[in-house]
């Protein structure tokens, strides 16, 4: 079953100064959860600072505002996905195997990082404009282009039933659908993630590839 969204941690007392990199990571972790729990508008700097055990003034030493925090969360998530997809792209496996591995990596990332996944792929448009949209256009587009290269290889080999652009959107929409449902409906009696995602990929690839 997909991981449920973790409950908010209890507030900590004020923390001493220093340890900048660790403090920045703590702020991002807390903000990721609070953005999901409260929405962008409800996620105030004060709430994030209180959760980490800082004053609002101290938090502003790390980030100028919450839009920058949201953008940094999205940038970090896309960077992790970029590393994963680059490793898959560099592999010498047949293209259909690499396409499957890339979709598996995408699904695994979403199920293991449900809060980050919500923020980069399920944020409302008006909230995304506050910091996430530019990052999504910059890094998310690059990810999809990498996937598109693999689909282009399959097209050049005469393997596609549909146009490359349509194929890419079918595959992405299918995987996103199952991942987003498992994240947002954790109370449903889902099959084991590997079985459910694997079965979805079997169906999707059978539908878009021809022998």
Protein backbone atom coordinates (compact mmCIF):
# COMPACT_ATOMS: atom_id res chain seq x y z
CA UNK A 1 0.00 0.00 0.00
CA UNK A 2 1.23 3.51 -0.73
CA UNK A 3 2.75 5.39 2.13
CA UNK A 4 0.35 7.70 3.91
CA UNK A 5 1.26 11.33 4.44
CA UNK A 6 3.16 11.49 7.73
CA UNK A 7 1.68 13.48 10.58
CA UNK A 8 3.22 16.77 11.58
CA UNK A 9 6.09 16.48 14.01
CA UNK A 10 5.71 18.16 17.40
CA UNK A 11 7.10 21.65 17.64
CA UNK A 12 10.62 21.89 18.92
CA UNK A 13 12.14 24.60 21.05
CA UNK A 14 14.32 27.34 19.62
CA UNK A 15 17.56 25.91 18.26
CA UNK A 16 21.03 27.41 18.52
CA UNK A 17 22.55 29.27 15.61
CA UNK A 18 24.92 27.59 13.20
CA UNK A 19 24.82 24.32 11.27
CA UNK A 20 23.54 26.19 8.22
CA UNK A 21 23.28 23.27 5.79
CA UNK A 22 21.51 21.06 8.31
CA UNK A 23 19.14 23.86 9.26
CA UNK A 24 18.33 24.53 5.61
CA UNK A 25 17.53 20.85 5.09
CA UNK A 26 15.29 20.85 8.19
CA UNK A 27 13.40 23.88 6.85
CA UNK A 28 12.84 22.18 3.50
CA UNK A 29 11.66 18.95 5.13
CA UNK A 30 9.21 20.80 7.37
CA UNK A 31 7.97 23.04 4.55
CA UNK A 32 7.41 20.07 2.22
CA UNK A 33 5.06 18.51 4.75
CA UNK A 34 3.33 21.78 5.70
CA UNK A 35 2.72 22.76 2.07
CA UNK A 36 0.89 19.46 1.59
CA UNK A 37 -1.03 19.63 4.87
CA UNK A 38 -2.03 23.30 4.75
CA UNK A 39 -1.84 24.25 1.08
CA UNK A 40 0.41 26.99 -0.22
CA UNK A 41 -1.70 29.83 1.16
CA UNK A 42 -1.99 28.23 4.59
CA UNK A 43 1.69 27.40 4.84
CA UNK A 44 3.03 30.53 6.47
CA UNK A 45 6.64 31.30 7.25
CA UNK A 46 5.71 31.33 10.94
CA UNK A 47 4.30 27.78 10.76
CA UNK A 48 7.39 26.50 9.02
CA UNK A 49 9.71 28.31 11.44
CA UNK A 50 7.81 27.04 14.49
CA UNK A 51 7.97 23.47 13.22
CA UNK A 52 11.74 23.69 12.84
CA UNK A 53 12.20 25.53 16.13
CA UNK A 54 13.37 28.83 14.66
CA UNK A 55 12.12 32.38 14.78
CA UNK A 56 10.68 33.76 11.55
CA UNK A 57 13.61 36.18 11.42
CA UNK A 58 16.09 33.32 11.59
CA UNK A 59 14.29 31.45 8.81
CA UNK A 60 14.54 34.49 6.55
CA UNK A 61 18.32 34.17 6.82
CA UNK A 62 17.97 30.96 4.75
CA UNK A 63 15.08 31.79 2.40
CA UNK A 64 13.65 35.14 1.35
CA UNK A 65 10.04 33.87 1.24
CA UNK A 66 7.93 30.73 0.93
CA UNK A 67 7.95 30.83 -2.86
CA UNK A 68 11.70 30.33 -2.77
CA UNK A 69 11.24 27.43 -0.36
CA UNK A 70 8.70 25.75 -2.66
CA UNK A 71 10.94 26.28 -5.68
CA UNK A 72 13.89 24.72 -3.84
CA UNK A 73 11.83 21.67 -2.83
CA UNK A 74 10.79 21.19 -6.47
CA UNK A 75 14.34 21.77 -7.74
CA UNK A 76 15.72 19.11 -5.38
CA UNK A 77 13.07 16.58 -6.39
CA UNK A 78 13.60 17.14 -10.10
CA UNK A 79 17.38 16.93 -9.62
CA UNK A 80 17.00 13.48 -8.05
CA UNK A 81 14.80 12.32 -10.90
CA UNK A 82 17.26 13.74 -13.42
CA UNK A 83 20.09 11.68 -11.96
CA UNK A 84 17.99 8.53 -12.08
CA UNK A 85 16.91 9.06 -15.68
CA UNK A 86 20.45 9.92 -16.82
CA UNK A 87 21.68 6.59 -15.46
CA UNK A 88 18.92 4.74 -17.28
CA UNK A 89 19.51 6.64 -20.53
CA UNK A 90 23.21 5.75 -20.47
CA UNK A 91 22.47 2.03 -20.23
CA UNK A 92 22.98 -0.11 -23.33
CA UNK A 93 19.71 -2.01 -22.87
CA UNK A 94 17.07 -2.14 -25.65
CA UNK A 95 14.97 1.00 -25.84
CA UNK A 96 11.74 -0.62 -24.63
CA UNK A 97 13.58 -1.84 -21.52
CA UNK A 98 14.91 1.65 -20.83
CA UNK A 99 11.45 3.14 -21.31
CA UNK A 100 10.07 0.73 -18.74
CA UNK A 101 12.91 1.37 -16.30
CA UNK A 102 12.37 5.11 -16.56
CA UNK A 103 8.67 4.76 -15.77
CA UNK A 104 9.49 2.41 -12.88
CA UNK A 105 11.92 4.97 -11.48
CA UNK A 106 9.31 7.71 -11.80
CA UNK A 107 6.70 5.61 -9.99
CA UNK A 108 9.13 4.52 -7.27
CA UNK A 109 10.16 8.11 -6.62
CA UNK A 110 6.53 9.16 -6.24
CA UNK A 111 5.61 6.36 -3.85
CA UNK A 112 8.75 6.82 -1.75
CA UNK A 113 8.48 10.63 -1.71
CA UNK A 114 4.72 11.32 -1.70
CA UNK A 115 4.94 14.88 -0.36
CA UNK A 116 7.56 15.96 -2.89
CA UNK A 117 5.61 14.24 -5.66
CA UNK A 118 2.44 16.12 -4.72
CA UNK A 119 4.30 19.42 -4.86
CA UNK A 120 6.00 18.91 -8.21
CA UNK A 121 3.17 17.16 -10.06
CA UNK A 122 -0.08 17.84 -8.18
CA UNK A 123 0.16 21.49 -7.10
CA UNK A 124 -2.73 23.71 -8.20
CA UNK A 125 -1.81 26.11 -11.04
CA UNK A 126 -2.26 29.24 -8.93
CA UNK A 127 0.07 27.80 -6.28
CA UNK A 128 2.62 26.59 -8.82
CA UNK A 129 2.94 30.11 -10.16
CA UNK A 130 4.24 31.12 -6.74
CA UNK A 131 7.52 29.27 -7.19
CA UNK A 132 7.20 25.80 -8.67
CA UNK A 133 6.16 26.50 -12.24
CA UNK A 134 9.48 27.93 -13.44
CA UNK A 135 11.36 25.00 -11.96
CA UNK A 136 8.92 22.54 -13.53
CA UNK A 137 9.34 24.19 -16.92
CA UNK A 138 13.12 24.17 -16.62
CA UNK A 139 13.81 20.75 -15.10
CA UNK A 140 10.57 18.84 -15.61
CA UNK A 141 10.62 19.60 -19.32
CA UNK A 142 14.17 18.27 -19.52
CA UNK A 143 13.07 15.02 -17.91
CA UNK A 144 10.24 14.58 -20.37
CA UNK A 145 12.57 15.35 -23.28
CA UNK A 146 14.90 12.57 -22.14
CA UNK A 147 11.96 10.19 -22.12
CA UNK A 148 10.98 11.57 -25.51
CA UNK A 149 14.37 10.63 -26.95
CA UNK A 150 13.77 7.01 -26.02
CA UNK A 151 10.31 7.12 -27.58
CA UNK A 152 11.90 8.64 -30.68
CA UNK A 153 14.25 5.66 -30.90
CA UNK A 154 11.29 3.30 -30.73
CA UNK A 155 9.55 5.34 -33.43
CA UNK A 156 12.63 5.19 -35.69
CA UNK A 157 12.62 1.41 -35.30
CA UNK A 158 8.97 1.27 -36.39
CA UNK A 159 7.76 0.11 -32.97
CA UNK A 160 5.09 2.72 -32.15
CA UNK A 161 1.35 2.40 -32.74
CA UNK A 162 0.87 6.17 -32.27
CA UNK A 163 2.79 9.35 -32.94
CA UNK A 164 5.76 9.86 -30.58
CA UNK A 165 4.19 12.86 -28.82
CA UNK A 166 0.94 10.97 -28.21
CA UNK A 167 2.85 7.90 -27.01
CA UNK A 168 4.81 9.93 -24.47
CA UNK A 169 1.68 11.49 -23.06
CA UNK A 170 -0.15 8.15 -22.87
CA UNK A 171 2.68 6.58 -20.91
CA UNK A 172 3.22 9.52 -18.57
CA UNK A 173 -0.51 9.94 -17.90
CA UNK A 174 -0.90 6.24 -17.16
CA UNK A 175 1.93 6.05 -14.64
CA UNK A 176 1.00 9.37 -13.04
CA UNK A 177 -2.57 8.18 -12.67
CA UNK A 178 -1.72 5.09 -10.65
CA UNK A 179 0.91 6.86 -8.54
CA UNK A 180 -1.30 9.84 -7.73
CA UNK A 181 -4.21 7.59 -6.77
CA UNK A 182 -2.05 5.50 -4.45
CA UNK A 183 -0.72 8.65 -2.80
CA UNK A 184 -4.03 10.44 -2.36
CA UNK A 185 -6.16 7.38 -1.52
CA UNK A 186 -3.97 5.45 0.96
CA UNK A 187 -7.06 3.97 2.66
CA UNK A 188 -7.98 1.95 -0.44
CA UNK A 189 -7.00 -1.72 -0.42
CA UNK A 190 -4.37 -1.37 -3.12
CA UNK A 191 -2.44 -4.32 -4.48
CA UNK A 192 1.28 -4.45 -3.72
CA UNK A 193 2.94 -1.44 -5.42
CA UNK A 194 5.32 -3.57 -7.50
CA UNK A 195 2.44 -5.67 -8.80
CA UNK A 196 0.14 -2.73 -9.50
CA UNK A 197 2.76 -0.55 -11.16
CA UNK A 198 4.21 -3.52 -13.03
CA UNK A 199 0.78 -4.51 -14.33
CA UNK A 200 0.08 -0.93 -15.41
CA UNK A 201 3.37 -0.80 -17.31
CA UNK A 202 2.63 -4.14 -18.98
CA UNK A 203 -0.70 -2.78 -20.20
CA UNK A 204 0.68 0.57 -21.29
CA UNK A 205 3.64 -0.79 -23.21
CA UNK A 206 1.55 -3.52 -24.83
CA UNK A 207 -0.83 -0.79 -25.98
CA UNK A 208 1.74 1.57 -27.52
CA UNK A 209 4.41 -0.80 -28.87
CA UNK A 210 4.05 -3.18 -31.77
CA UNK A 211 6.27 -6.18 -32.41
